[in-house]
Amino acid sequence: MRAELAFSVGDLARTRFAVSPMWEVGPSMRLLRSGHEHPVHRAWTAQVRPRLAAAGLDRGRLAELVPPSGYVPDFLNPAPPGPSPTFEEELTAIRATPAGRVRSELDRLREEQGRLGPGLSGLYDDVPRLLERVVEEIGAYWEVALAPYWVRIRAVLDADVFHRARQVAEHGAGRLLGELHSSVSWDDSALRLTDRRAPLSRQAAGAGLLLIPSVFTGPVPFTRLAPPDPPQLAYPARGIGALWEPRPVVRGGGGALAAVLGRSRSLLLAELDSPATTTELALRTGLSAAGASQCLTALRGAGLVSAHRAGRFVLYARTSVAEALLTAASDRPPAS
């Protein structure tokens, strides 16, 4: 089926980009729930699925809100007011969703899925109290599944927006809209999506268009129509294929970086190519658990690692500052 969204000059003038954390939450949860081994995200799913199950997040209200296929309630993706809303700002917008709208969207989900799960049945009956529980679950999911990886994810999203903005500057909006995805085309007055099951109507949408790159959306773009908000089109970002590839870093704890940070701390940074717990890092580096913990505390205090709670565990991840530091060190020629 082909859907078509008409554009006026005003709609084209109101077209903009946004990077949205919540547009990674829903699609990534869907991927985890599908049970499939995605060729690009295999490394990520292998790490996150066990942690999700250990935290009980694979069977909560958020899991019920994001079925393996079909409609996802629109209140989970509030329209970003600017180009880069924080995760906390989006949670605040979800928390403020009117109860009547939550129930209306749950009605649609029930119609598509045949029933509501027990968690969503409770939400339907008591939106003011249980919507806060949903927000808490989303926050817990973020800490387990996305926050430790956000530096990498955000770099891909920002690079995509930069590329698209340059397209507009060099070739105009028509080129941009025509090259977002193979299922999307543009003919100077309308945007067409060949794989959308439901119709698109400007009368059923707000003005303009909100373009949102996503690393987990795919293989076709996702859309959200909830007037008076602008329609949202979440499309697969460029560069996803290299998202989880190991980064070139200094190994072995030697060189100038070890001279500044110390051998143990530089070794831990090198091992944090993927987020890990203190115990995992101690086993991989040969450090004692106490020694690894002491080094991680120092690295966190220096802004080189971040900590994210996943149930009973804490995951450590490199920050963007650490990524830049390690890349610079790996590019530095050895001293003669």
C-alpha atoms as a PDB file:
ATOM      1  CA  MET A   1       0.000   0.000   0.000  1.00  0.00           C
ATOM      2  CA  ARG A   2       1.183   3.528  -0.739  1.00  0.00           C
ATOM      3  CA  ALA A   3       0.431   6.470   1.546  1.00  0.00           C
ATOM      4  CA  GLU A   4       0.769  10.101   0.548  1.00  0.00           C
ATOM      5  CA  LEU A   5       1.260  13.230   2.667  1.00  0.00           C
ATOM      6  CA  ALA A   6       0.532  16.501   0.858  1.00  0.00           C
ATOM      7  CA  PHE A   7       2.818  19.499   1.378  1.00  0.00           C
ATOM      8  CA  SER A   8       2.188  23.202   1.086  1.00  0.00           C
ATOM      9  CA  VAL A   9       4.983  25.781   0.960  1.00  0.00           C
ATOM     10  CA  GLY A  10       4.312  26.366   4.660  1.00  0.00           C
ATOM     11  CA  ASP A  11       4.632  22.655   5.454  1.00  0.00           C
ATOM     12  CA  LEU A  12       7.957  22.507   3.657  1.00  0.00           C
ATOM     13  CA  ALA A  13       9.155  25.591   5.546  1.00  0.00           C
ATOM     14  CA  ARG A  14       8.257  23.897   8.842  1.00  0.00           C
ATOM     15  CA  THR A  15      10.140  20.674   8.095  1.00  0.00           C
ATOM     16  CA  ARG A  16      12.919  20.112  10.631  1.00  0.00           C
ATOM     17  CA  PHE A  17      15.126  17.472  12.272  1.00  0.00           C
ATOM     18  CA  ALA A  18      15.270  16.216  15.836  1.00  0.00           C
ATOM     19  CA  VAL A  19      17.292  13.594  17.700  1.00  0.00           C
ATOM     20  CA  SER A  20      14.918  11.810  20.079  1.00  0.00           C
ATOM     21  CA  PRO A  21      15.947   9.329  22.816  1.00  0.00           C
ATOM     22  CA  MET A  22      12.395   7.919  22.929  1.00  0.00           C
ATOM     23  CA  TRP A  23      12.586   7.031  19.235  1.00  0.00           C
ATOM     24  CA  GLU A  24      15.368   4.624  20.249  1.00  0.00           C
ATOM     25  CA  VAL A  25      13.430   3.192  23.212  1.00  0.00           C
ATOM     26  CA  GLY A  26      10.421   1.768  21.333  1.00  0.00           C
ATOM     27  CA  PRO A  27      12.212   0.347  18.277  1.00  0.00           C
ATOM     28  CA  SER A  28      15.010  -1.155  20.384  1.00  0.00           C
ATOM     29  CA  MET A  29      12.510  -2.797  22.743  1.00  0.00           C
ATOM     30  CA  ARG A  30      10.689  -4.199  19.710  1.00  0.00           C
ATOM     31  CA  LEU A  31      13.927  -5.678  18.405  1.00  0.00           C
ATOM     32  CA  LEU A  32      14.690  -7.288  21.762  1.00  0.00           C
ATOM     33  CA  ARG A  33      11.169  -8.711  22.043  1.00  0.00           C
ATOM     34  CA  SER A  34      11.239 -10.134  18.526  1.00  0.00           C
ATOM     35  CA  GLY A  35      13.823 -12.745  19.479  1.00  0.00           C
ATOM     36  CA  HIS A  36      15.553 -12.302  16.120  1.00  0.00           C
ATOM     37  CA  GLU A  37      19.288 -11.914  15.728  1.00  0.00           C
ATOM     38  CA  HIS A  38      19.617  -8.675  13.801  1.00  0.00           C
ATOM     39  CA  PRO A  39      22.772  -8.788  11.634  1.00  0.00           C
ATOM     40  CA  VAL A  40      23.832  -5.270  12.655  1.00  0.00           C
ATOM     41  CA  HIS A  41      22.688  -5.218  16.279  1.00  0.00           C
ATOM     42  CA  ARG A  42      23.687  -8.780  17.213  1.00  0.00           C
ATOM     43  CA  ALA A  43      26.452  -7.680  19.604  1.00  0.00           C
ATOM     44  CA  TRP A  44      24.116  -5.235  21.340  1.00  0.00           C
ATOM     45  CA  THR A  45      21.231  -7.714  21.716  1.00  0.00           C
ATOM     46  CA  ALA A  46      23.588 -10.397  23.075  1.00  0.00           C
ATOM     47  CA  GLN A  47      24.662  -8.031  25.841  1.00  0.00           C
ATOM     48  CA  VAL A  48      21.292  -6.450  26.615  1.00  0.00           C
ATOM     49  CA  ARG A  49      18.792  -9.341  26.474  1.00  0.00           C
ATOM     50  CA  PRO A  50      20.142 -11.133  29.586  1.00  0.00           C
ATOM     51  CA  ARG A  51      20.238  -7.860  31.526  1.00  0.00           C
ATOM     52  CA  LEU A  52      16.696  -7.031  30.445  1.00  0.00           C
ATOM     53  CA  ALA A  53      15.442 -10.418  31.641  1.00  0.00           C
ATOM     54  CA  ALA A  54      17.346 -10.140  34.934  1.00  0.00           C
ATOM     55  CA  ALA A  55      15.681  -6.772  35.587  1.00  0.00           C
ATOM     56  CA  GLY A  56      12.231  -8.149  34.675  1.00  0.00           C
ATOM     57  CA  LEU A  57      11.823  -5.514  31.968  1.00  0.00           C
ATOM     58  CA  ASP A  58      11.029  -8.076  29.267  1.00  0.00           C
ATOM     59  CA  ARG A  59       7.612  -8.687  30.848  1.00  0.00           C
ATOM     60  CA  GLY A  60       6.511  -5.307  32.231  1.00  0.00           C
ATOM     61  CA  ARG A  61       4.141  -2.595  31.039  1.00  0.00           C
ATOM     62  CA  LEU A  62       6.670  -1.163  28.583  1.00  0.00           C
ATOM     63  CA  ALA A  63       7.001  -4.570  26.915  1.00  0.00           C
ATOM     64  CA  GLU A  64       3.198  -4.704  26.620  1.00  0.00           C
ATOM     65  CA  LEU A  65       3.139  -1.210  25.108  1.00  0.00           C
ATOM     66  CA  VAL A  66       5.641  -2.252  22.406  1.00  0.00           C
ATOM     67  CA  PRO A  67       4.303  -5.432  20.762  1.00  0.00           C
ATOM     68  CA  PRO A  68       6.516  -7.386  18.337  1.00  0.00           C
ATOM     69  CA  SER A  69       4.631  -5.792  15.446  1.00  0.00           C
ATOM     70  CA  GLY A  70       1.915  -3.256  14.787  1.00  0.00           C
ATOM     71  CA  TYR A  71       0.827  -0.097  16.534  1.00  0.00           C
ATOM     72  CA  VAL A  72       2.731   1.477  19.425  1.00  0.00           C
ATOM     73  CA  PRO A  73       0.777   4.104  21.427  1.00  0.00           C
ATOM     74  CA  ASP A  74       1.707   7.589  20.251  1.00  0.00           C
ATOM     75  CA  PHE A  75       2.102   9.022  23.744  1.00  0.00           C
ATOM     76  CA  LEU A  76       5.444   7.186  23.959  1.00  0.00           C
ATOM     77  CA  ASN A  77       6.833   9.530  21.287  1.00  0.00           C
ATOM     78  CA  PRO A  78       5.945  13.110  22.231  1.00  0.00           C
ATOM     79  CA  ALA A  79       6.836  15.685  19.590  1.00  0.00           C
ATOM     80  CA  PRO A  80      10.300  17.076  20.372  1.00  0.00           C
ATOM     81  CA  PRO A  81       9.980  20.847  20.898  1.00  0.00           C
ATOM     82  CA  GLY A  82      13.558  21.398  19.705  1.00  0.00           C
ATOM     83  CA  PRO A  83      16.336  19.645  17.795  1.00  0.00           C
ATOM     84  CA  SER A  84      17.741  17.718  20.758  1.00  0.00           C
ATOM     85  CA  PRO A  85      15.405  17.042  23.693  1.00  0.00           C
ATOM     86  CA  THR A  86      16.913  15.290  26.686  1.00  0.00           C
ATOM     87  CA  PHE A  87      15.603  11.938  27.842  1.00  0.00           C
ATOM     88  CA  GLU A  88      14.294  13.583  31.025  1.00  0.00           C
ATOM     89  CA  GLU A  89      12.364  16.189  28.993  1.00  0.00           C
ATOM     90  CA  GLU A  90      10.699  13.443  26.975  1.00  0.00           C
ATOM     91  CA  LEU A  91       9.770  11.529  30.128  1.00  0.00           C
ATOM     92  CA  THR A  92       8.193  14.711  31.493  1.00  0.00           C
ATOM     93  CA  ALA A  93       6.102  15.035  28.330  1.00  0.00           C
ATOM     94  CA  ILE A  94       4.956  11.398  28.614  1.00  0.00           C
ATOM     95  CA  ARG A  95       4.081  11.908  32.274  1.00  0.00           C
ATOM     96  CA  ALA A  96       1.861  14.874  31.288  1.00  0.00           C
ATOM     97  CA  THR A  97      -0.226  12.902  28.753  1.00  0.00           C
ATOM     98  CA  PRO A  98      -3.956  13.386  29.489  1.00  0.00           C
ATOM     99  CA  ALA A  99      -5.662  10.257  30.805  1.00  0.00           C
ATOM    100  CA  GLY A 100      -8.302  10.340  28.056  1.00  0.00           C
ATOM    101  CA  ARG A 101      -5.640  10.237  25.365  1.00  0.00           C
ATOM    102  CA  VAL A 102      -3.816   7.339  27.038  1.00  0.00           C
ATOM    103  CA  ARG A 103      -7.061   5.339  27.147  1.00  0.00           C
ATOM    104  CA  SER A 104      -7.903   6.194  23.533  1.00  0.00           C
ATOM    105  CA  GLU A 105      -4.537   4.924  22.338  1.00  0.00           C
ATOM    106  CA  LEU A 106      -4.810   1.812  24.506  1.00  0.00           C
ATOM    107  CA  ASP A 107      -8.207   1.181  22.851  1.00  0.00           C
ATOM    108  CA  ARG A 108      -6.483   1.230  19.478  1.00  0.00           C
ATOM    109  CA  LEU A 109      -3.758  -1.100  20.735  1.00  0.00           C
ATOM    110  CA  ARG A 110      -6.391  -3.506  22.088  1.00  0.00           C
ATOM    111  CA  GLU A 111      -8.238  -3.438  18.767  1.00  0.00           C
ATOM    112  CA  GLU A 112      -5.041  -4.327  16.873  1.00  0.00           C
ATOM    113  CA  GLN A 113      -3.664  -6.911  19.306  1.00  0.00           C
ATOM    114  CA  GLY A 114      -6.976  -8.465  20.342  1.00  0.00           C
ATOM    115  CA  ARG A 115      -6.487  -7.742  24.050  1.00  0.00           C
ATOM    116  CA  LEU A 116      -4.513  -5.707  26.572  1.00  0.00           C
ATOM    117  CA  GLY A 117      -2.021  -7.419  28.848  1.00  0.00           C
ATOM    118  CA  PRO A 118      -2.580  -7.326  32.612  1.00  0.00           C
ATOM    119  CA  GLY A 119      -0.248  -4.393  33.108  1.00  0.00           C
ATOM    120  CA  LEU A 120      -1.991  -2.272  30.491  1.00  0.00           C
ATOM    121  CA  SER A 121      -5.443  -3.236  31.772  1.00  0.00           C
ATOM    122  CA  GLY A 122      -4.401  -1.765  35.100  1.00  0.00           C
ATOM    123  CA  LEU A 123      -3.029   1.333  33.370  1.00  0.00           C
ATOM    124  CA  TYR A 124      -6.336   1.784  31.543  1.00  0.00           C
ATOM    125  CA  ASP A 125      -8.238   1.762  34.846  1.00  0.00           C
ATOM    126  CA  ASP A 126      -5.838   4.023  36.756  1.00  0.00           C
ATOM    127  CA  VAL A 127      -3.892   6.255  34.371  1.00  0.00           C
ATOM    128  CA  PRO A 128      -2.820   8.972  36.866  1.00  0.00           C
ATOM    129  CA  ARG A 129      -1.073   6.507  39.183  1.00  0.00           C
ATOM    130  CA  LEU A 130       0.205   3.840  36.799  1.00  0.00           C
ATOM    131  CA  LEU A 131       1.459   6.151  34.044  1.00  0.00           C
ATOM    132  CA  GLU A 132       4.126   7.176  36.542  1.00  0.00           C
ATOM    133  CA  ARG A 133       5.049   3.485  36.872  1.00  0.00           C
ATOM    134  CA  VAL A 134       5.381   3.283  33.086  1.00  0.00           C
ATOM    135  CA  VAL A 135       7.710   6.301  33.140  1.00  0.00           C
ATOM    136  CA  GLU A 136       9.789   4.621  35.845  1.00  0.00           C
ATOM    137  CA  GLU A 137      10.010   1.463  33.719  1.00  0.00           C
ATOM    138  CA  ILE A 138      11.110   3.463  30.705  1.00  0.00           C
ATOM    139  CA  GLY A 139      13.822   5.035  32.852  1.00  0.00           C
ATOM    140  CA  ALA A 140      14.975   1.609  34.046  1.00  0.00           C
ATOM    141  CA  TYR A 141      15.019   0.303  30.476  1.00  0.00           C
ATOM    142  CA  TRP A 142      17.070   3.299  29.374  1.00  0.00           C
ATOM    143  CA  GLU A 143      19.686   2.619  32.042  1.00  0.00           C
ATOM    144  CA  VAL A 144      19.992  -1.053  31.058  1.00  0.00           C
ATOM    145  CA  ALA A 145      19.671  -0.939  27.286  1.00  0.00           C
ATOM    146  CA  LEU A 146      20.591   2.476  25.920  1.00  0.00           C
ATOM    147  CA  ALA A 147      22.337   4.875  28.299  1.00  0.00           C
ATOM    148  CA  PRO A 148      25.617   2.881  28.395  1.00  0.00           C
ATOM    149  CA  TYR A 149      25.711   2.967  24.584  1.00  0.00           C
ATOM    150  CA  TRP A 150      24.356   6.484  24.061  1.00  0.00           C
ATOM    151  CA  VAL A 151      27.692   8.073  23.179  1.00  0.00           C
ATOM    152  CA  ARG A 152      28.026   5.781  20.163  1.00  0.00           C
ATOM    153  CA  ILE A 153      24.366   6.011  19.192  1.00  0.00           C
ATOM    154  CA  ARG A 154      24.288   9.794  19.466  1.00  0.00           C
ATOM    155  CA  ALA A 155      27.402  10.136  17.284  1.00  0.00           C
ATOM    156  CA  VAL A 156      25.670   8.224  14.465  1.00  0.00           C
ATOM    157  CA  LEU A 157      22.466  10.278  14.795  1.00  0.00           C
ATOM    158  CA  ASP A 158      24.318  13.602  14.803  1.00  0.00           C
ATOM    159  CA  ALA A 159      26.368  12.557  11.770  1.00  0.00           C
ATOM    160  CA  ASP A 160      23.184  11.689   9.903  1.00  0.00           C
ATOM    161  CA  VAL A 161      21.581  15.066  10.647  1.00  0.00           C
ATOM    162  CA  PHE A 162      24.763  16.837   9.565  1.00  0.00           C
ATOM    163  CA  HIS A 163      24.762  14.926   6.272  1.00  0.00           C
ATOM    164  CA  ARG A 164      21.078  15.671   5.596  1.00  0.00           C
ATOM    165  CA  ALA A 165      21.505  19.349   6.455  1.00  0.00           C
ATOM    166  CA  ARG A 166      24.353  19.546   3.971  1.00  0.00           C
ATOM    167  CA  GLN A 167      22.110  17.898   1.363  1.00  0.00           C
ATOM    168  CA  VAL A 168      19.547  20.645   1.827  1.00  0.00           C
ATOM    169  CA  ALA A 169      22.216  23.333   1.600  1.00  0.00           C
ATOM    170  CA  GLU A 170      23.718  21.917  -1.585  1.00  0.00           C
ATOM    171  CA  HIS A 171      20.737  20.408  -3.402  1.00  0.00           C
ATOM    172  CA  GLY A 172      17.525  21.575  -1.723  1.00  0.00           C
ATOM    173  CA  ALA A 173      14.779  19.934   0.326  1.00  0.00           C
ATOM    174  CA  GLY A 174      13.559  17.836  -2.608  1.00  0.00           C
ATOM    175  CA  ARG A 175      16.807  15.868  -2.712  1.00  0.00           C
ATOM    176  CA  LEU A 176      16.677  15.381   1.051  1.00  0.00           C
ATOM    177  CA  LEU A 177      13.119  14.027   1.099  1.00  0.00           C
ATOM    178  CA  GLY A 178      13.709  11.845  -1.940  1.00  0.00           C
ATOM    179  CA  GLU A 179      16.777  10.140  -0.474  1.00  0.00           C
ATOM    180  CA  LEU A 180      15.695   9.438   3.109  1.00  0.00           C
ATOM    181  CA  HIS A 181      14.849   5.799   2.369  1.00  0.00           C
ATOM    182  CA  SER A 182      14.057   3.565  -0.606  1.00  0.00           C
ATOM    183  CA  SER A 183      10.388   3.434   0.458  1.00  0.00           C
ATOM    184  CA  VAL A 184      10.092   7.256   0.550  1.00  0.00           C
ATOM    185  CA  SER A 185       9.740   9.457  -2.524  1.00  0.00           C
ATOM    186  CA  TRP A 186       9.028  13.134  -3.215  1.00  0.00           C
ATOM    187  CA  ASP A 187       7.369  14.811  -6.208  1.00  0.00           C
ATOM    188  CA  ASP A 188       7.423  18.546  -5.304  1.00  0.00           C
ATOM    189  CA  SER A 189       4.029  18.527  -3.596  1.00  0.00           C
ATOM    190  CA  ALA A 190       3.716  15.269  -1.635  1.00  0.00           C
ATOM    191  CA  LEU A 191       5.733  12.734   0.317  1.00  0.00           C
ATOM    192  CA  ARG A 192       4.939   9.110  -0.545  1.00  0.00           C
ATOM    193  CA  LEU A 193       5.613   6.046   1.607  1.00  0.00           C
ATOM    194  CA  THR A 194       5.230   2.761  -0.233  1.00  0.00           C
ATOM    195  CA  ASP A 195       5.259   0.434   2.798  1.00  0.00           C
ATOM    196  CA  ARG A 196       2.840   2.224   5.137  1.00  0.00           C
ATOM    197  CA  ARG A 197      -0.335   0.207   5.796  1.00  0.00           C
ATOM    198  CA  ALA A 198      -2.548   3.115   6.925  1.00  0.00           C
ATOM    199  CA  PRO A 199      -3.317   6.204   4.830  1.00  0.00           C
ATOM    200  CA  LEU A 200      -1.603   9.547   5.389  1.00  0.00           C
ATOM    201  CA  SER A 201      -3.672  12.707   5.384  1.00  0.00           C
ATOM    202  CA  ARG A 202      -2.621  16.297   5.962  1.00  0.00           C
ATOM    203  CA  GLN A 203      -6.082  16.862   7.449  1.00  0.00           C
ATOM    204  CA  ALA A 204      -5.278  14.241  10.110  1.00  0.00           C
ATOM    205  CA  ALA A 205      -1.838  15.683  10.876  1.00  0.00           C
ATOM    206  CA  GLY A 206      -0.281  18.887  12.061  1.00  0.00           C
ATOM    207  CA  ALA A 207       1.684  21.283   9.858  1.00  0.00           C
ATOM    208  CA  GLY A 208       5.209  20.586   8.655  1.00  0.00           C
ATOM    209  CA  LEU A 209       7.222  17.411   9.137  1.00  0.00           C
ATOM    210  CA  LEU A 210       9.552  16.216  11.885  1.00  0.00           C
ATOM    211  CA  LEU A 211      12.401  14.025  10.589  1.00  0.00           C
ATOM    212  CA  ILE A 212      13.996  11.781  13.222  1.00  0.00           C
ATOM    213  CA  PRO A 213      17.001   9.552  12.475  1.00  0.00           C
ATOM    214  CA  SER A 214      17.088   6.328  14.472  1.00  0.00           C
ATOM    215  CA  VAL A 215      19.581   3.485  14.758  1.00  0.00           C
ATOM    216  CA  PHE A 216      16.948   0.888  15.715  1.00  0.00           C
ATOM    217  CA  THR A 217      14.144   1.896  13.341  1.00  0.00           C
ATOM    218  CA  GLY A 218      13.978  -0.379  10.342  1.00  0.00           C
ATOM    219  CA  PRO A 219      13.819  -1.875   7.865  1.00  0.00           C
ATOM    220  CA  VAL A 220      11.184   0.740   6.927  1.00  0.00           C
ATOM    221  CA  PRO A 221      10.500   4.173   8.473  1.00  0.00           C
ATOM    222  CA  PHE A 222       8.021   4.565  11.336  1.00  0.00           C
ATOM    223  CA  THR A 223       5.443   7.357  11.398  1.00  0.00           C
ATOM    224  CA  ARG A 224       3.419   9.103  14.083  1.00  0.00           C
ATOM    225  CA  LEU A 225       0.332  11.212  13.389  1.00  0.00           C
ATOM    226  CA  ALA A 226      -1.088  12.963  16.436  1.00  0.00           C
ATOM    227  CA  PRO A 227      -2.434  16.445  15.591  1.00  0.00           C
ATOM    228  CA  PRO A 228      -1.816  19.239  16.334  1.00  0.00           C
ATOM    229  CA  ASP A 229       1.780  17.960  16.495  1.00  0.00           C
ATOM    230  CA  PRO A 230       3.660  17.810  13.194  1.00  0.00           C
ATOM    231  CA  PRO A 231       3.786  14.318  11.679  1.00  0.00           C
ATOM    232  CA  GLN A 232       6.918  12.443  12.716  1.00  0.00           C
ATOM    233  CA  LEU A 233       8.923  10.269  10.334  1.00  0.00           C
ATOM    234  CA  ALA A 234      11.574   8.143  12.048  1.00  0.00           C
ATOM    235  CA  TYR A 235      13.931   6.686   9.457  1.00  0.00           C
ATOM    236  CA  PRO A 236      17.042   4.454   9.623  1.00  0.00           C
ATOM    237  CA  ALA A 237      20.107   6.636  10.136  1.00  0.00           C
ATOM    238  CA  ARG A 238      23.148   6.395   7.910  1.00  0.00           C
ATOM    239  CA  GLY A 239      26.225   4.630   9.286  1.00  0.00           C
ATOM    240  CA  ILE A 240      24.404   2.018  11.369  1.00  0.00           C
ATOM    241  CA  GLY A 241      26.547  -0.759   9.904  1.00  0.00           C
ATOM    242  CA  ALA A 242      29.609   0.512  11.752  1.00  0.00           C
ATOM    243  CA  LEU A 243      27.803   1.316  15.017  1.00  0.00           C
ATOM    244  CA  TRP A 244      29.060  -1.640  17.049  1.00  0.00           C
ATOM    245  CA  GLU A 245      32.439  -2.150  15.399  1.00  0.00           C
ATOM    246  CA  PRO A 246      35.345  -2.078  17.878  1.00  0.00           C
ATOM    247  CA  ARG A 247      37.033   1.319  18.043  1.00  0.00           C
ATOM    248  CA  PRO A 248      40.797   1.651  17.525  1.00  0.00           C
ATOM    249  CA  VAL A 249      42.274   2.240  20.958  1.00  0.00           C
ATOM    250  CA  VAL A 250      45.598   1.869  22.678  1.00  0.00           C
ATOM    251  CA  ARG A 251      45.885  -1.643  24.117  1.00  0.00           C
ATOM    252  CA  GLY A 252      48.184  -3.101  26.709  1.00  0.00           C
ATOM    253  CA  GLY A 253      48.198  -0.077  29.002  1.00  0.00           C
ATOM    254  CA  GLY A 254      51.413   1.326  27.474  1.00  0.00           C
ATOM    255  CA  GLY A 255      52.436   4.571  25.866  1.00  0.00           C
ATOM    256  CA  ALA A 256      51.721   8.185  26.667  1.00  0.00           C
ATOM    257  CA  LEU A 257      48.166   7.506  27.844  1.00  0.00           C
ATOM    258  CA  ALA A 258      49.337   5.058  30.516  1.00  0.00           C
ATOM    259  CA  ALA A 259      51.982   7.556  31.582  1.00  0.00           C
ATOM    260  CA  VAL A 260      49.213  10.063  32.344  1.00  0.00           C
ATOM    261  CA  LEU A 261      46.405   7.818  33.618  1.00  0.00           C
ATOM    262  CA  GLY A 262      48.379   4.874  34.908  1.00  0.00           C
ATOM    263  CA  ARG A 263      48.535   1.408  33.383  1.00  0.00           C
ATOM    264  CA  SER A 264      45.447  -0.008  35.157  1.00  0.00           C
ATOM    265  CA  ARG A 265      43.168   2.920  34.327  1.00  0.00           C
ATOM    266  CA  SER A 266      44.219   3.060  30.673  1.00  0.00           C
ATOM    267  CA  LEU A 267      43.727  -0.711  30.441  1.00  0.00           C
ATOM    268  CA  LEU A 268      40.206  -0.422  31.854  1.00  0.00           C
ATOM    269  CA  LEU A 269      39.330   2.330  29.372  1.00  0.00           C
ATOM    270  CA  ALA A 270      40.557   0.167  26.510  1.00  0.00           C
ATOM    271  CA  GLU A 271      38.438  -2.769  27.738  1.00  0.00           C
ATOM    272  CA  LEU A 272      35.296  -0.615  27.894  1.00  0.00           C
ATOM    273  CA  ASP A 273      34.705  -0.860  24.165  1.00  0.00           C
ATOM    274  CA  SER A 274      31.387  -2.299  25.322  1.00  0.00           C
ATOM    275  CA  PRO A 275      29.778  -1.489  28.691  1.00  0.00           C
ATOM    276  CA  ALA A 276      30.664  -3.910  31.495  1.00  0.00           C
ATOM    277  CA  THR A 277      30.411  -4.458  35.233  1.00  0.00           C
ATOM    278  CA  THR A 278      33.288  -4.209  37.680  1.00  0.00           C
ATOM    279  CA  THR A 279      33.428  -8.013  37.956  1.00  0.00           C
ATOM    280  CA  GLU A 280      33.562  -8.475  34.184  1.00  0.00           C
ATOM    281  CA  LEU A 281      36.319  -5.896  33.850  1.00  0.00           C
ATOM    282  CA  ALA A 282      38.335  -7.449  36.654  1.00  0.00           C
ATOM    283  CA  LEU A 283      38.182 -10.855  34.969  1.00  0.00           C
ATOM    284  CA  ARG A 284      39.174  -9.437  31.574  1.00  0.00           C
ATOM    285  CA  THR A 285      42.058  -7.317  32.832  1.00  0.00           C
ATOM    286  CA  GLY A 286      43.443  -9.468  35.622  1.00  0.00           C
ATOM    287  CA  LEU A 287      42.891  -6.710  38.171  1.00  0.00           C
ATOM    288  CA  SER A 288      41.318  -7.475  41.515  1.00  0.00           C
ATOM    289  CA  ALA A 289      37.664  -6.486  41.893  1.00  0.00           C
ATOM    290  CA  ALA A 290      38.657  -3.902  44.520  1.00  0.00           C
ATOM    291  CA  GLY A 291      41.397  -2.505  42.301  1.00  0.00           C
ATOM    292  CA  ALA A 292      39.107  -2.280  39.285  1.00  0.00           C
ATOM    293  CA  SER A 293      36.441  -0.562  41.399  1.00  0.00           C
ATOM    294  CA  GLN A 294      38.937   1.983  42.723  1.00  0.00           C
ATOM    295  CA  CYS A 295      40.178   2.790  39.206  1.00  0.00           C
ATOM    296  CA  LEU A 296      36.628   3.087  37.831  1.00  0.00           C
ATOM    297  CA  THR A 297      35.703   5.487  40.624  1.00  0.00           C
ATOM    298  CA  ALA A 298      38.671   7.682  39.697  1.00  0.00           C
ATOM    299  CA  LEU A 299      37.839   7.518  35.974  1.00  0.00           C
ATOM    300  CA  ARG A 300      34.235   8.422  36.693  1.00  0.00           C
ATOM    301  CA  GLY A 301      35.345  11.377  38.784  1.00  0.00           C
ATOM    302  CA  ALA A 302      37.466  12.569  35.853  1.00  0.00           C
ATOM    303  CA  GLY A 303      34.505  12.347  33.465  1.00  0.00           C
ATOM    304  CA  LEU A 304      36.002   9.461  31.465  1.00  0.00           C
ATOM    305  CA  VAL A 305      33.427   6.796  32.363  1.00  0.00           C
ATOM    306  CA  SER A 306      29.734   6.880  33.236  1.00  0.00           C
ATOM    307  CA  ALA A 307      27.845   4.454  35.496  1.00  0.00           C
ATOM    308  CA  HIS A 308      24.406   3.007  34.767  1.00  0.00           C
ATOM    309  CA  ARG A 309      22.435   0.802  37.137  1.00  0.00           C
ATOM    310  CA  ALA A 310      21.066  -2.445  35.651  1.00  0.00           C
ATOM    311  CA  GLY A 311      19.132  -4.217  38.408  1.00  0.00           C
ATOM    312  CA  ARG A 312      21.679  -5.384  41.013  1.00  0.00           C
ATOM    313  CA  PHE A 313      24.610  -4.422  38.801  1.00  0.00           C
ATOM    314  CA  VAL A 314      26.249  -1.210  37.640  1.00  0.00           C
ATOM    315  CA  LEU A 315      27.430  -0.964  34.037  1.00  0.00           C
ATOM    316  CA  TYR A 316      30.375   1.287  33.235  1.00  0.00           C
ATOM    317  CA  ALA A 317      30.777   2.895  29.821  1.00  0.00           C
ATOM    318  CA  ARG A 318      33.251   5.261  28.198  1.00  0.00           C
ATOM    319  CA  THR A 319      32.152   8.855  27.802  1.00  0.00           C
ATOM    320  CA  SER A 320      32.613  10.934  24.656  1.00  0.00           C
ATOM    321  CA  VAL A 321      35.649  12.547  26.316  1.00  0.00           C
ATOM    322  CA  ALA A 322      37.245   9.128  26.796  1.00  0.00           C
ATOM    323  CA  GLU A 323      36.421   8.099  23.228  1.00  0.00           C
ATOM    324  CA  ALA A 324      38.173  11.195  21.888  1.00  0.00           C
ATOM    325  CA  LEU A 325      41.141  10.668  24.193  1.00  0.00           C
ATOM    326  CA  LEU A 326      41.627   7.022  23.184  1.00  0.00           C
ATOM    327  CA  THR A 327      41.207   7.758  19.485  1.00  0.00           C
ATOM    328  CA  ALA A 328      43.790  10.525  19.682  1.00  0.00           C
ATOM    329  CA  ALA A 329      46.169   8.199  21.517  1.00  0.00           C
ATOM    330  CA  SER A 330      45.696   5.434  18.931  1.00  0.00           C
ATOM    331  CA  ASP A 331      46.422   7.903  16.099  1.00  0.00           C
ATOM    332  CA  ARG A 332      49.606   9.174  17.746  1.00  0.00           C
ATOM    333  CA  PRO A 333      52.771   7.729  16.188  1.00  0.00           C
ATOM    334  CA  PRO A 334      54.988   5.793  18.562  1.00  0.00           C
ATOM    335  CA  ALA A 335      57.867   7.711  20.086  1.00  0.00           C
ATOM    336  CA  SER A 336      61.184   7.052  18.419  1.00  0.00           C
END
